[in-house]
């Protein structure tokens, strides 16, 4: 008999995603973050995928190293992920949402990094308006 495939808890996946986004926004490698807390980059990968749950003390270390409050890791959590904590709720939709989040895309993080480096506020605003207009035109 084949053992059932392990599914990641949607909240662990969300927290891991937030860890990855912040690490990348700081242009920090998985190795550098791992070294800072005494872990291998493979363990950081597991945390970022949500395969391994991040304990409270480790979450505190990450918040200090990444200069964010602990609450950062739980911000922007979709309602279906929050609902996944209920035992009677199906997890498949929440897992799909957590995994297919556009912030997991490398291009999304790179775009945010490039945007944040534009010093001229009016140029940033024009770029923002252009992106909004392009996204609306792509929808229909």
Protein backbone atom coordinates (compact mmCIF):
# COMPACT_ATOMS: atom_id res chain seq x y z
CA UNK A 1 0.00 0.00 0.00
CA UNK A 2 1.31 3.46 -0.93
CA UNK A 3 1.37 5.89 1.98
CA UNK A 4 -0.85 8.95 1.50
CA UNK A 5 0.85 12.03 0.12
CA UNK A 6 1.58 14.53 2.85
CA UNK A 7 -0.27 17.80 2.39
CA UNK A 8 1.01 21.03 3.85
CA UNK A 9 -1.16 22.93 6.26
CA UNK A 10 -2.35 26.09 4.49
CA UNK A 11 -1.27 28.35 7.36
CA UNK A 12 2.24 26.86 7.30
CA UNK A 13 2.31 27.47 3.53
CA UNK A 14 1.17 31.09 4.04
CA UNK A 15 3.76 31.78 6.75
CA UNK A 16 6.44 30.16 4.56
CA UNK A 17 5.40 32.28 1.60
CA UNK A 18 5.66 35.44 3.68
CA UNK A 19 9.12 34.32 4.87
CA UNK A 20 10.23 33.81 1.27
CA UNK A 21 8.82 37.15 0.06
CA UNK A 22 10.54 39.12 2.84
CA UNK A 23 13.83 37.27 2.38
CA UNK A 24 13.79 37.99 -1.35
CA UNK A 25 12.81 41.63 -0.85
CA UNK A 26 15.95 41.96 1.25
CA UNK A 27 17.96 40.15 -1.47
CA UNK A 28 18.98 37.55 1.10
CA UNK A 29 19.82 34.01 0.02
CA UNK A 30 18.38 30.95 1.71
CA UNK A 31 21.94 30.07 2.75
CA UNK A 32 22.50 33.45 4.41
CA UNK A 33 19.20 33.25 6.29
CA UNK A 34 19.95 29.67 7.31
CA UNK A 35 23.41 30.62 8.55
CA UNK A 36 21.90 33.40 10.66
CA UNK A 37 19.73 30.91 12.56
CA UNK A 38 21.98 27.84 12.39
CA UNK A 39 20.09 25.92 9.68
CA UNK A 40 20.84 24.62 6.20
CA UNK A 41 19.36 26.22 3.12
CA UNK A 42 17.37 22.99 2.62
CA UNK A 43 15.59 23.57 5.92
CA UNK A 44 14.81 27.15 4.87
CA UNK A 45 13.36 25.72 1.62
CA UNK A 46 11.11 23.39 3.62
CA UNK A 47 9.91 26.30 5.77
CA UNK A 48 9.22 28.43 2.70
CA UNK A 49 7.20 25.67 1.03
CA UNK A 50 5.24 25.04 4.21
CA UNK A 51 6.52 21.47 4.35
CA UNK A 52 7.82 22.08 7.86
CA UNK A 53 6.05 24.12 10.50
CA UNK A 54 8.00 27.06 11.94
CA UNK A 55 8.10 27.00 15.73
CA UNK A 56 7.49 30.09 17.84
CA UNK A 57 11.13 30.63 18.81
CA UNK A 58 12.29 30.21 15.21
CA UNK A 59 9.58 32.60 14.00
CA UNK A 60 10.84 35.14 16.52
CA UNK A 61 14.40 34.72 15.17
CA UNK A 62 13.19 35.20 11.59
CA UNK A 63 11.26 38.33 12.56
CA UNK A 64 14.39 39.81 14.16
CA UNK A 65 16.68 38.94 11.24
CA UNK A 66 14.20 40.12 8.60
CA UNK A 67 13.26 43.26 10.60
CA UNK A 68 9.52 42.62 10.66
CA UNK A 69 7.07 42.07 13.51
CA UNK A 70 5.92 38.49 14.03
CA UNK A 71 2.46 39.54 12.86
CA UNK A 72 3.96 40.15 9.39
CA UNK A 73 3.99 36.40 8.76
CA UNK A 74 0.21 36.21 9.28
CA UNK A 75 -0.81 39.36 7.39
CA UNK A 76 -2.85 39.16 4.19
CA UNK A 77 -3.99 35.63 5.02
CA UNK A 78 -6.91 34.72 2.74
CA UNK A 79 -10.18 33.89 4.45
CA UNK A 80 -10.13 30.33 3.14
CA UNK A 81 -6.71 29.79 4.72
CA UNK A 82 -8.01 31.16 8.03
CA UNK A 83 -11.00 28.84 7.71
CA UNK A 84 -8.67 25.85 7.26
CA UNK A 85 -8.04 25.86 11.00
CA UNK A 86 -11.55 24.49 11.50
CA UNK A 87 -11.50 20.72 11.63
CA UNK A 88 -14.68 20.36 9.58
CA UNK A 89 -13.50 22.62 6.73
CA UNK A 90 -11.99 21.08 3.58
CA UNK A 91 -8.38 22.12 3.06
CA UNK A 92 -7.99 21.60 -0.67
CA UNK A 93 -9.17 25.10 -1.70
CA UNK A 94 -7.06 26.78 0.98
CA UNK A 95 -3.97 24.82 -0.04
CA UNK A 96 -4.52 25.68 -3.70
CA UNK A 97 -4.86 29.38 -2.86
CA UNK A 98 -1.70 29.35 -0.75
CA UNK A 99 0.33 27.55 -3.40
CA UNK A 100 -0.91 29.54 -6.43
CA UNK A 101 -0.35 32.94 -4.88
CA UNK A 102 1.23 35.33 -7.40
CA UNK A 103 3.69 36.57 -4.76
CA UNK A 104 5.39 33.18 -5.02
CA UNK A 105 6.43 33.99 -8.56
CA UNK A 106 10.07 35.15 -8.82
CA UNK A 107 9.06 37.89 -11.28
CA UNK A 108 6.63 39.38 -8.73
CA UNK A 109 9.34 39.79 -6.14
CA UNK A 110 11.79 41.16 -8.72
CA UNK A 111 9.17 43.66 -9.90
CA UNK A 112 8.58 44.87 -6.34
CA UNK A 113 12.32 45.19 -5.77
CA UNK A 114 12.77 47.22 -8.96
CA UNK A 115 9.75 49.40 -8.16
CA UNK A 116 11.03 50.15 -4.66
CA UNK A 117 14.35 51.32 -6.09
CA UNK A 118 12.73 54.08 -8.18
CA UNK A 119 13.49 57.21 -6.18
CA UNK A 120 11.27 59.64 -8.08
CA UNK A 121 7.77 59.44 -6.57
CA UNK A 122 6.03 60.69 -9.72
CA UNK A 123 7.79 58.06 -11.85
CA UNK A 124 6.74 55.38 -9.34
CA UNK A 125 3.15 56.62 -9.52
CA UNK A 126 3.19 56.57 -13.34
CA UNK A 127 4.54 53.02 -13.34
CA UNK A 128 1.88 51.98 -10.83
CA UNK A 129 -0.89 53.51 -12.97
CA UNK A 130 0.52 51.83 -16.08
CA UNK A 131 0.52 48.43 -14.35
CA UNK A 132 -3.09 48.93 -13.22
CA UNK A 133 -4.17 49.93 -16.72
CA UNK A 134 -2.41 46.94 -18.28
CA UNK A 135 -3.99 44.54 -15.80
CA UNK A 136 -7.47 45.93 -16.57
CA UNK A 137 -6.94 45.66 -20.32
CA UNK A 138 -5.71 42.08 -19.97
CA UNK A 139 -8.96 41.08 -18.23
CA UNK A 140 -11.22 41.96 -21.05
